[in-house]
Amino acid sequence: LKKLRLNHNRFEESAAVFFKGALMENESLEVLDL
């Protein structure tokens, strides 16, 4: 996966914790739209 668009949804602060971890570990994603 290179591009993942999840904009205009209902993610809140608790989801940011998981996305932070994913950003730190993922080595292939180029675009993430939150």
PDB file of all heavy atoms in Angstrom:
ATOM      1  N   LEU A   1       0.825  -1.207   0.000  1.00  0.00           N
ATOM      2  CA  LEU A   1       0.000   0.000   0.000  1.00  0.00           C
ATOM      3  C   LEU A   1       0.863   1.263   0.000  1.00  0.00           C
ATOM      4  O   LEU A   1       1.736   1.421   0.846  1.00  0.00           O
ATOM      5  CB  LEU A   1      -0.922  -0.008   1.220  1.00  0.00           C
ATOM      6  CG  LEU A   1      -2.040   1.023   1.275  1.00  0.00           C
ATOM      7  CD1 LEU A   1      -3.044   0.792   0.141  1.00  0.00           C
ATOM      8  CD2 LEU A   1      -2.743   0.962   2.627  1.00  0.00           C
ATOM      9  N   LYS A   2       0.593   2.159  -0.953  1.00  0.00           N
ATOM     10  CA  LYS A   2       1.352   3.416  -1.068  1.00  0.00           C
ATOM     11  C   LYS A   2       0.540   4.634  -0.648  1.00  0.00           C
ATOM     12  O   LYS A   2       1.092   5.596  -0.125  1.00  0.00           O
ATOM     13  CB  LYS A   2       1.828   3.628  -2.517  1.00  0.00           C
ATOM     14  CG  LYS A   2       2.683   2.508  -3.075  1.00  0.00           C
ATOM     15  CD  LYS A   2       3.985   2.377  -2.327  1.00  0.00           C
ATOM     16  CE  LYS A   2       4.851   1.277  -2.921  1.00  0.00           C
ATOM     17  NZ  LYS A   2       5.967   0.928  -2.041  1.00  0.00           N
ATOM     18  N   LYS A   3      -0.776   4.602  -0.898  1.00  0.00           N
ATOM     19  CA  LYS A   3      -1.620   5.756  -0.576  1.00  0.00           C
ATOM     20  C   LYS A   3      -2.870   5.285   0.155  1.00  0.00           C
ATOM     21  O   LYS A   3      -3.564   4.379  -0.313  1.00  0.00           O
ATOM     22  CB  LYS A   3      -2.040   6.495  -1.854  1.00  0.00           C
ATOM     23  CG  LYS A   3      -0.887   7.107  -2.616  1.00  0.00           C
ATOM     24  CD  LYS A   3      -1.380   7.791  -3.888  1.00  0.00           C
ATOM     25  CE  LYS A   3      -0.218   8.342  -4.691  1.00  0.00           C
ATOM     26  NZ  LYS A   3      -0.665   8.973  -5.959  1.00  0.00           N
ATOM     27  N   LEU A   4      -3.150   5.929   1.285  1.00  0.00           N
ATOM     28  CA  LEU A   4      -4.349   5.621   2.058  1.00  0.00           C
ATOM     29  C   LEU A   4      -5.030   6.931   2.436  1.00  0.00           C
ATOM     30  O   LEU A   4      -4.438   7.793   3.098  1.00  0.00           O
ATOM     31  CB  LEU A   4      -3.983   4.828   3.320  1.00  0.00           C
ATOM     32  CG  LEU A   4      -5.131   4.471   4.259  1.00  0.00           C
ATOM     33  CD1 LEU A   4      -6.182   3.610   3.552  1.00  0.00           C
ATOM     34  CD2 LEU A   4      -4.606   3.768   5.504  1.00  0.00           C
ATOM     35  N   ARG A   5      -6.264   7.075   2.001  1.00  0.00           N
ATOM     36  CA  ARG A   5      -7.015   8.297   2.291  1.00  0.00           C
ATOM     37  C   ARG A   5      -8.172   7.977   3.244  1.00  0.00           C
ATOM     38  O   ARG A   5      -9.061   7.191   2.912  1.00  0.00           O
ATOM     39  CB  ARG A   5      -7.535   8.917   0.993  1.00  0.00           C
ATOM     40  CG  ARG A   5      -6.401   9.291   0.044  1.00  0.00           C
ATOM     41  CD  ARG A   5      -6.859  10.083  -1.173  1.00  0.00           C
ATOM     42  NE  ARG A   5      -5.766  10.274  -2.100  1.00  0.00           N
ATOM     43  CZ  ARG A   5      -4.782  11.167  -1.969  1.00  0.00           C
ATOM     44  NH1 ARG A   5      -4.787  11.972  -0.919  1.00  0.00           N
ATOM     45  NH2 ARG A   5      -3.821  11.268  -2.870  1.00  0.00           N
ATOM     46  N   LEU A   6      -8.100   8.599   4.420  1.00  0.00           N
ATOM     47  CA  LEU A   6      -9.116   8.398   5.459  1.00  0.00           C
ATOM     48  C   LEU A   6      -9.665   9.746   5.929  1.00  0.00           C
ATOM     49  O   LEU A   6     -10.127   9.876   7.057  1.00  0.00           O
ATOM     50  CB  LEU A   6      -8.499   7.648   6.652  1.00  0.00           C
ATOM     51  CG  LEU A   6      -8.034   6.215   6.372  1.00  0.00           C
ATOM     52  CD1 LEU A   6      -7.190   5.687   7.527  1.00  0.00           C
ATOM     53  CD2 LEU A   6      -9.227   5.307   6.126  1.00  0.00           C
ATOM     54  N   ASN A   7      -9.610  10.752   5.078  1.00  0.00           N
ATOM     55  CA  ASN A   7     -10.076  12.079   5.455  1.00  0.00           C
ATOM     56  C   ASN A   7     -11.605  12.133   5.575  1.00  0.00           C
ATOM     57  O   ASN A   7     -12.307  11.266   5.071  1.00  0.00           O
ATOM     58  CB  ASN A   7      -9.566  13.140   4.464  1.00  0.00           C
ATOM     59  CG  ASN A   7      -9.764  12.748   3.022  1.00  0.00           C
ATOM     60  OD1 ASN A   7      -9.408  11.654   2.597  1.00  0.00           O
ATOM     61  ND2 ASN A   7     -10.332  13.654   2.243  1.00  0.00           N
ATOM     62  N   HIS A   8     -12.084  13.147   6.277  1.00  0.00           N
ATOM     63  CA  HIS A   8     -13.527  13.360   6.494  1.00  0.00           C
ATOM     64  C   HIS A   8     -14.191  12.137   7.141  1.00  0.00           C
ATOM     65  O   HIS A   8     -15.253  11.696   6.693  1.00  0.00           O
ATOM     66  CB  HIS A   8     -14.234  13.716   5.183  1.00  0.00           C
ATOM     67  CG  HIS A   8     -13.908  15.097   4.704  1.00  0.00           C
ATOM     68  ND1 HIS A   8     -14.572  16.215   5.141  1.00  0.00           N
ATOM     69  CD2 HIS A   8     -12.967  15.532   3.833  1.00  0.00           C
ATOM     70  CE1 HIS A   8     -14.069  17.286   4.552  1.00  0.00           C
ATOM     71  NE2 HIS A   8     -13.087  16.902   3.757  1.00  0.00           N
ATOM     72  N   ASN A   9     -13.553  11.597   8.167  1.00  0.00           N
ATOM     73  CA  ASN A   9     -14.159  10.516   8.940  1.00  0.00           C
ATOM     74  C   ASN A   9     -14.315  10.950  10.389  1.00  0.00           C
ATOM     75  O   ASN A   9     -14.403  12.148  10.646  1.00  0.00           O
ATOM     76  CB  ASN A   9     -13.345   9.224   8.771  1.00  0.00           C
ATOM     77  CG  ASN A   9     -13.684   8.514   7.465  1.00  0.00           C
ATOM     78  OD1 ASN A   9     -14.796   8.054   7.262  1.00  0.00           O
ATOM     79  ND2 ASN A   9     -12.714   8.460   6.549  1.00  0.00           N
ATOM     80  N   ARG A  10     -14.333  10.027  11.328  1.00  0.00           N
ATOM     81  CA  ARG A  10     -14.638  10.365  12.718  1.00  0.00           C
ATOM     82  C   ARG A  10     -13.534   9.948  13.693  1.00  0.00           C
ATOM     83  O   ARG A  10     -13.803   9.600  14.833  1.00  0.00           O
ATOM     84  CB  ARG A  10     -15.961   9.711  13.123  1.00  0.00           C
ATOM     85  CG  ARG A  10     -17.137  10.243  12.316  1.00  0.00           C
ATOM     86  CD  ARG A  10     -18.425   9.559  12.669  1.00  0.00           C
ATOM     87  NE  ARG A  10     -19.546  10.169  11.963  1.00  0.00           N
ATOM     88  CZ  ARG A  10     -20.784   9.705  12.003  1.00  0.00           C
ATOM     89  NH1 ARG A  10     -21.073   8.628  12.710  1.00  0.00           N
ATOM     90  NH2 ARG A  10     -21.749  10.315  11.340  1.00  0.00           N
ATOM     91  N   PHE A  11     -12.300   9.961  13.223  1.00  0.00           N
ATOM     92  CA  PHE A  11     -11.185   9.614  14.099  1.00  0.00           C
ATOM     93  C   PHE A  11     -10.933  10.722  15.103  1.00  0.00           C
ATOM     94  O   PHE A  11     -11.006  11.903  14.760  1.00  0.00           O
ATOM     95  CB  PHE A  11      -9.914   9.368  13.278  1.00  0.00           C
ATOM     96  CG  PHE A  11      -9.999   8.152  12.393  1.00  0.00           C
ATOM     97  CD1 PHE A  11      -9.991   8.280  11.018  1.00  0.00           C
ATOM     98  CD2 PHE A  11     -10.080   6.882  12.946  1.00  0.00           C
ATOM     99  CE1 PHE A  11     -10.061   7.168  10.193  1.00  0.00           C
ATOM    100  CE2 PHE A  11     -10.158   5.762  12.126  1.00  0.00           C
ATOM    101  CZ  PHE A  11     -10.154   5.901  10.760  1.00  0.00           C
ATOM    102  N   GLU A  12     -10.618  10.324  16.338  1.00  0.00           N
ATOM    103  CA  GLU A  12     -10.329  11.284  17.396  1.00  0.00           C
ATOM    104  C   GLU A  12      -8.956  11.008  17.989  1.00  0.00           C
ATOM    105  O   GLU A  12      -8.180  10.222  17.444  1.00  0.00           O
ATOM    106  CB  GLU A  12     -11.438  11.231  18.456  1.00  0.00           C
ATOM    107  CG  GLU A  12     -12.799  11.621  17.874  1.00  0.00           C
ATOM    108  CD  GLU A  12     -13.905  11.626  18.913  1.00  0.00           C
ATOM    109  OE1 GLU A  12     -13.607  11.606  20.120  1.00  0.00           O
ATOM    110  OE2 GLU A  12     -15.081  11.647  18.503  1.00  0.00           O
ATOM    111  N   GLU A  13      -8.680  11.625  19.118  1.00  0.00           N
ATOM    112  CA  GLU A  13      -7.352  11.543  19.726  1.00  0.00           C
ATOM    113  C   GLU A  13      -6.882  10.117  19.984  1.00  0.00           C
ATOM    114  O   GLU A  13      -5.719   9.784  19.762  1.00  0.00           O
ATOM    115  CB  GLU A  13      -7.337  12.334  21.037  1.00  0.00           C
ATOM    116  CG  GLU A  13      -5.985  12.390  21.698  1.00  0.00           C
ATOM    117  CD  GLU A  13      -6.017  13.186  22.989  1.00  0.00           C
ATOM    118  OE1 GLU A  13      -6.559  14.313  22.998  1.00  0.00           O
ATOM    119  OE2 GLU A  13      -5.485  12.676  23.988  1.00  0.00           O
ATOM    120  N   SER A  14      -7.781   9.247  20.440  1.00  0.00           N
ATOM    121  CA  SER A  14      -7.357   7.874  20.752  1.00  0.00           C
ATOM    122  C   SER A  14      -6.873   7.143  19.495  1.00  0.00           C
ATOM    123  O   SER A  14      -5.980   6.294  19.567  1.00  0.00           O
ATOM    124  CB  SER A  14      -8.491   7.088  21.421  1.00  0.00           C
ATOM    125  OG  SER A  14      -9.618   7.007  20.570  1.00  0.00           O
ATOM    126  N   ALA A  15      -7.413   7.475  18.338  1.00  0.00           N
ATOM    127  CA  ALA A  15      -6.955   6.859  17.085  1.00  0.00           C
ATOM    128  C   ALA A  15      -5.570   7.367  16.707  1.00  0.00           C
ATOM    129  O   ALA A  15      -4.767   6.638  16.115  1.00  0.00           O
ATOM    130  CB  ALA A  15      -7.936   7.155  15.954  1.00  0.00           C
ATOM    131  N   ALA A  16      -5.272   8.611  17.084  1.00  0.00           N
ATOM    132  CA  ALA A  16      -3.968   9.200  16.749  1.00  0.00           C
ATOM    133  C   ALA A  16      -2.825   8.391  17.350  1.00  0.00           C
ATOM    134  O   ALA A  16      -1.740   8.307  16.766  1.00  0.00           O
ATOM    135  CB  ALA A  16      -3.910  10.646  17.218  1.00  0.00           C
ATOM    136  N   VAL A  17      -3.053   7.781  18.502  1.00  0.00           N
ATOM    137  CA  VAL A  17      -2.026   6.945  19.139  1.00  0.00           C
ATOM    138  C   VAL A  17      -1.633   5.804  18.206  1.00  0.00           C
ATOM    139  O   VAL A  17      -0.443   5.517  18.019  1.00  0.00           O
ATOM    140  CB  VAL A  17      -2.538   6.383  20.487  1.00  0.00           C
ATOM    141  CG1 VAL A  17      -1.532   5.416  21.092  1.00  0.00           C
ATOM    142  CG2 VAL A  17      -2.862   7.511  21.448  1.00  0.00           C
ATOM    143  N   PHE A  18      -2.630   5.150  17.607  1.00  0.00           N
ATOM    144  CA  PHE A  18      -2.371   4.013  16.715  1.00  0.00           C
ATOM    145  C   PHE A  18      -1.743   4.466  15.392  1.00  0.00           C
ATOM    146  O   PHE A  18      -0.842   3.811  14.866  1.00  0.00           O
ATOM    147  CB  PHE A  18      -3.662   3.239  16.457  1.00  0.00           C
ATOM    148  CG  PHE A  18      -4.182   2.551  17.681  1.00  0.00           C
ATOM    149  CD1 PHE A  18      -5.221   3.102  18.419  1.00  0.00           C
ATOM    150  CD2 PHE A  18      -3.622   1.361  18.114  1.00  0.00           C
ATOM    151  CE1 PHE A  18      -5.700   2.466  19.552  1.00  0.00           C
ATOM    152  CE2 PHE A  18      -4.087   0.718  19.245  1.00  0.00           C
ATOM    153  CZ  PHE A  18      -5.128   1.273  19.968  1.00  0.00           C
ATOM    154  N   PHE A  19      -2.215   5.605  14.875  1.00  0.00           N
ATOM    155  CA  PHE A  19      -1.627   6.108  13.630  1.00  0.00           C
ATOM    156  C   PHE A  19      -0.185   6.553  13.851  1.00  0.00           C
ATOM    157  O   PHE A  19       0.658   6.382  12.971  1.00  0.00           O
ATOM    158  CB  PHE A  19      -2.477   7.239  13.042  1.00  0.00           C
ATOM    159  CG  PHE A  19      -3.736   6.753  12.380  1.00  0.00           C
ATOM    160  CD1 PHE A  19      -4.987   7.079  12.881  1.00  0.00           C
ATOM    161  CD2 PHE A  19      -3.670   5.948  11.252  1.00  0.00           C
ATOM    162  CE1 PHE A  19      -6.147   6.619  12.279  1.00  0.00           C
ATOM    163  CE2 PHE A  19      -4.826   5.480  10.626  1.00  0.00           C
ATOM    164  CZ  PHE A  19      -6.066   5.820  11.152  1.00  0.00           C
ATOM    165  N   LYS A  20       0.097   7.106  15.029  1.00  0.00           N
ATOM    166  CA  LYS A  20       1.484   7.476  15.349  1.00  0.00           C
ATOM    167  C   LYS A  20       2.380   6.241  15.280  1.00  0.00           C
ATOM    168  O   LYS A  20       3.435   6.255  14.641  1.00  0.00           O
ATOM    169  CB  LYS A  20       1.563   8.099  16.746  1.00  0.00           C
ATOM    170  CG  LYS A  20       2.993   8.335  17.205  1.00  0.00           C
ATOM    171  CD  LYS A  20       3.070   8.767  18.660  1.00  0.00           C
ATOM    172  CE  LYS A  20       4.524   8.844  19.129  1.00  0.00           C
ATOM    173  NZ  LYS A  20       4.626   9.273  20.540  1.00  0.00           N
ATOM    174  N   GLY A  21       1.957   5.165  15.939  1.00  0.00           N
ATOM    175  CA  GLY A  21       2.735   3.924  15.926  1.00  0.00           C
ATOM    176  C   GLY A  21       2.926   3.386  14.525  1.00  0.00           C
ATOM    177  O   GLY A  21       4.013   2.927  14.157  1.00  0.00           O
ATOM    178  N   ALA A  22       1.869   3.474  13.721  1.00  0.00           N
ATOM    179  CA  ALA A  22       1.945   2.980  12.344  1.00  0.00           C
ATOM    180  C   ALA A  22       2.922   3.815  11.521  1.00  0.00           C
ATOM    181  O   ALA A  22       3.714   3.281  10.742  1.00  0.00           O
ATOM    182  CB  ALA A  22       0.561   3.003  11.708  1.00  0.00           C
ATOM    183  N   LEU A  23       2.884   5.134  11.702  1.00  0.00           N
ATOM    184  CA  LEU A  23       3.801   6.013  10.977  1.00  0.00           C
ATOM    185  C   LEU A  23       5.254   5.713  11.335  1.00  0.00           C
ATOM    186  O   LEU A  23       6.149   5.776  10.493  1.00  0.00           O
ATOM    187  CB  LEU A  23       3.485   7.479  11.284  1.00  0.00           C
ATOM    188  CG  LEU A  23       2.226   8.050  10.626  1.00  0.00           C
ATOM    189  CD1 LEU A  23       1.866   9.395  11.236  1.00  0.00           C
ATOM    190  CD2 LEU A  23       2.431   8.187   9.127  1.00  0.00           C
ATOM    191  N   MET A  24       5.480   5.367  12.577  1.00  0.00           N
ATOM    192  CA  MET A  24       6.837   5.105  13.036  1.00  0.00           C
ATOM    193  C   MET A  24       7.387   3.783  12.491  1.00  0.00           C
ATOM    194  O   MET A  24       8.593   3.638  12.304  1.00  0.00           O
ATOM    195  CB  MET A  24       6.872   5.093  14.567  1.00  0.00           C
ATOM    196  CG  MET A  24       6.601   6.452  15.182  1.00  0.00           C
ATOM    197  SD  MET A  24       6.413   6.407  16.977  1.00  0.00           S
ATOM    198  CE  MET A  24       8.102   6.110  17.478  1.00  0.00           C
ATOM    199  N   GLU A  25       6.490   2.831  12.224  1.00  0.00           N
ATOM    200  CA  GLU A  25       6.945   1.502  11.814  1.00  0.00           C
ATOM    201  C   GLU A  25       6.794   1.202  10.326  1.00  0.00           C
ATOM    202  O   GLU A  25       7.507   0.356   9.794  1.00  0.00           O
ATOM    203  CB  GLU A  25       6.202   0.429  12.623  1.00  0.00           C
ATOM    204  CG  GLU A  25       6.534   0.477  14.109  1.00  0.00           C
ATOM    205  CD  GLU A  25       5.884  -0.668  14.862  1.00  0.00           C
ATOM    206  OE1 GLU A  25       6.073  -1.828  14.443  1.00  0.00           O
ATOM    207  OE2 GLU A  25       5.181  -0.394  15.861  1.00  0.00           O
ATOM    208  N   ASN A  26       5.866   1.871   9.655  1.00  0.00           N
ATOM    209  CA  ASN A  26       5.628   1.571   8.237  1.00  0.00           C
ATOM    210  C   ASN A  26       6.799   2.025   7.375  1.00  0.00           C
ATOM    211  O   ASN A  26       7.337   3.126   7.566  1.00  0.00           O
ATOM    212  CB  ASN A  26       4.340   2.264   7.768  1.00  0.00           C
ATOM    213  CG  ASN A  26       4.012   1.934   6.337  1.00  0.00           C
ATOM    214  OD1 ASN A  26       4.585   2.493   5.414  1.00  0.00           O
ATOM    215  ND2 ASN A  26       3.088   1.016   6.148  1.00  0.00           N
ATOM    216  N   GLU A  27       7.172   1.189   6.415  1.00  0.00           N
ATOM    217  CA  GLU A  27       8.307   1.507   5.558  1.00  0.00           C
ATOM    218  C   GLU A  27       7.937   1.615   4.082  1.00  0.00           C
ATOM    219  O   GLU A  27       8.818   1.689   3.224  1.00  0.00           O
ATOM    220  CB  GLU A  27       9.400   0.451   5.734  1.00  0.00           C
ATOM    221  CG  GLU A  27       9.966   0.427   7.143  1.00  0.00           C
ATOM    222  CD  GLU A  27      11.037  -0.632   7.326  1.00  0.00           C
ATOM    223  OE1 GLU A  27      11.263  -1.416   6.381  1.00  0.00           O
ATOM    224  OE2 GLU A  27      11.627  -0.671   8.411  1.00  0.00           O
ATOM    225  N   SER A  28       6.635   1.603   3.773  1.00  0.00           N
ATOM    226  CA  SER A  28       6.236   1.636   2.362  1.00  0.00           C
ATOM    227  C   SER A  28       5.227   2.732   2.014  1.00  0.00           C
ATOM    228  O   SER A  28       5.189   3.191   0.876  1.00  0.00           O
ATOM    229  CB  SER A  28       5.662   0.276   1.951  1.00  0.00           C
ATOM    230  OG  SER A  28       4.548  -0.036   2.770  1.00  0.00           O
ATOM    231  N   LEU A  29       4.423   3.156   2.976  1.00  0.00           N
ATOM    232  CA  LEU A  29       3.379   4.147   2.695  1.00  0.00           C
ATOM    233  C   LEU A  29       3.999   5.487   2.303  1.00  0.00           C
ATOM    234  O   LEU A  29       4.949   5.943   2.939  1.00  0.00           O
ATOM    235  CB  LEU A  29       2.478   4.321   3.922  1.00  0.00           C
ATOM    236  CG  LEU A  29       1.146   5.031   3.688  1.00  0.00           C
ATOM    237  CD1 LEU A  29       0.212   4.145   2.862  1.00  0.00           C
ATOM    238  CD2 LEU A  29       0.485   5.376   5.020  1.00  0.00           C
ATOM    239  N   GLU A  30       3.457   6.106   1.259  1.00  0.00           N
ATOM    240  CA  GLU A  30       3.957   7.395   0.796  1.00  0.00           C
ATOM    241  C   GLU A  30       2.992   8.538   1.095  1.00  0.00           C
ATOM    242  O   GLU A  30       3.413   9.671   1.307  1.00  0.00           O
ATOM    243  CB  GLU A  30       4.236   7.333  -0.707  1.00  0.00           C
ATOM    244  CG  GLU A  30       5.336   6.343  -1.067  1.00  0.00           C
ATOM    245  CD  GLU A  30       5.507   6.145  -2.563  1.00  0.00           C
ATOM    246  OE1 GLU A  30       4.763   6.789  -3.342  1.00  0.00           O
ATOM    247  OE2 GLU A  30       6.362   5.334  -2.942  1.00  0.00           O
ATOM    248  N   VAL A  31       1.692   8.250   1.096  1.00  0.00           N
ATOM    249  CA  VAL A  31       0.683   9.282   1.350  1.00  0.00           C
ATOM    250  C   VAL A  31      -0.339   8.756   2.351  1.00  0.00           C
ATOM    251  O   VAL A  31      -0.898   7.675   2.166  1.00  0.00           O
ATOM    252  CB  VAL A  31      -0.052   9.688   0.048  1.00  0.00           C
ATOM    253  CG1 VAL A  31      -1.195  10.658   0.352  1.00  0.00           C
ATOM    254  CG2 VAL A  31       0.919  10.292  -0.958  1.00  0.00           C
ATOM    255  N   LEU A  32      -0.572   9.529   3.403  1.00  0.00           N
ATOM    256  CA  LEU A  32      -1.618   9.227   4.376  1.00  0.00           C
ATOM    257  C   LEU A  32      -2.430  10.498   4.593  1.00  0.00           C
ATOM    258  O   LEU A  32      -1.897  11.512   5.053  1.00  0.00           O
ATOM    259  CB  LEU A  32      -1.020   8.754   5.707  1.00  0.00           C
ATOM    260  CG  LEU A  32      -2.022   8.478   6.838  1.00  0.00           C
ATOM    261  CD1 LEU A  32      -2.985   7.355   6.451  1.00  0.00           C
ATOM    262  CD2 LEU A  32      -1.294   8.128   8.125  1.00  0.00           C
ATOM    263  N   ASP A  33      -3.699  10.467   4.221  1.00  0.00           N
ATOM    264  CA  ASP A  33      -4.567  11.638   4.369  1.00  0.00           C
ATOM    265  C   ASP A  33      -5.538  11.401   5.521  1.00  0.00           C
ATOM    266  O   ASP A  33      -6.437  10.566   5.429  1.00  0.00           O
ATOM    267  CB  ASP A  33      -5.333  11.898   3.063  1.00  0.00           C
ATOM    268  CG  ASP A  33      -6.048  13.247   3.082  1.00  0.00           C
ATOM    269  OD1 ASP A  33      -6.193  13.847   4.171  1.00  0.00           O
ATOM    270  OD2 ASP A  33      -6.473  13.701   2.005  1.00  0.00           O
ATOM    271  N   LEU A  34      -5.314  12.130   6.597  1.00  0.00           N
ATOM    272  CA  LEU A  34      -6.179  12.055   7.782  1.00  0.00           C
ATOM    273  C   LEU A  34      -6.855  13.398   8.043  1.00  0.00           C
ATOM    274  O   LEU A  34      -7.325  13.654   9.159  1.00  0.00           O
ATOM    275  CB  LEU A  34      -5.346  11.645   9.008  1.00  0.00           C
ATOM    276  CG  LEU A  34      -4.744  10.243   8.976  1.00  0.00           C
ATOM    277  CD1 LEU A  34      -3.722  10.068  10.095  1.00  0.00           C
ATOM    278  CD2 LEU A  34      -5.842   9.192   9.093  1.00  0.00           C
TER     279      LEU A  34
END
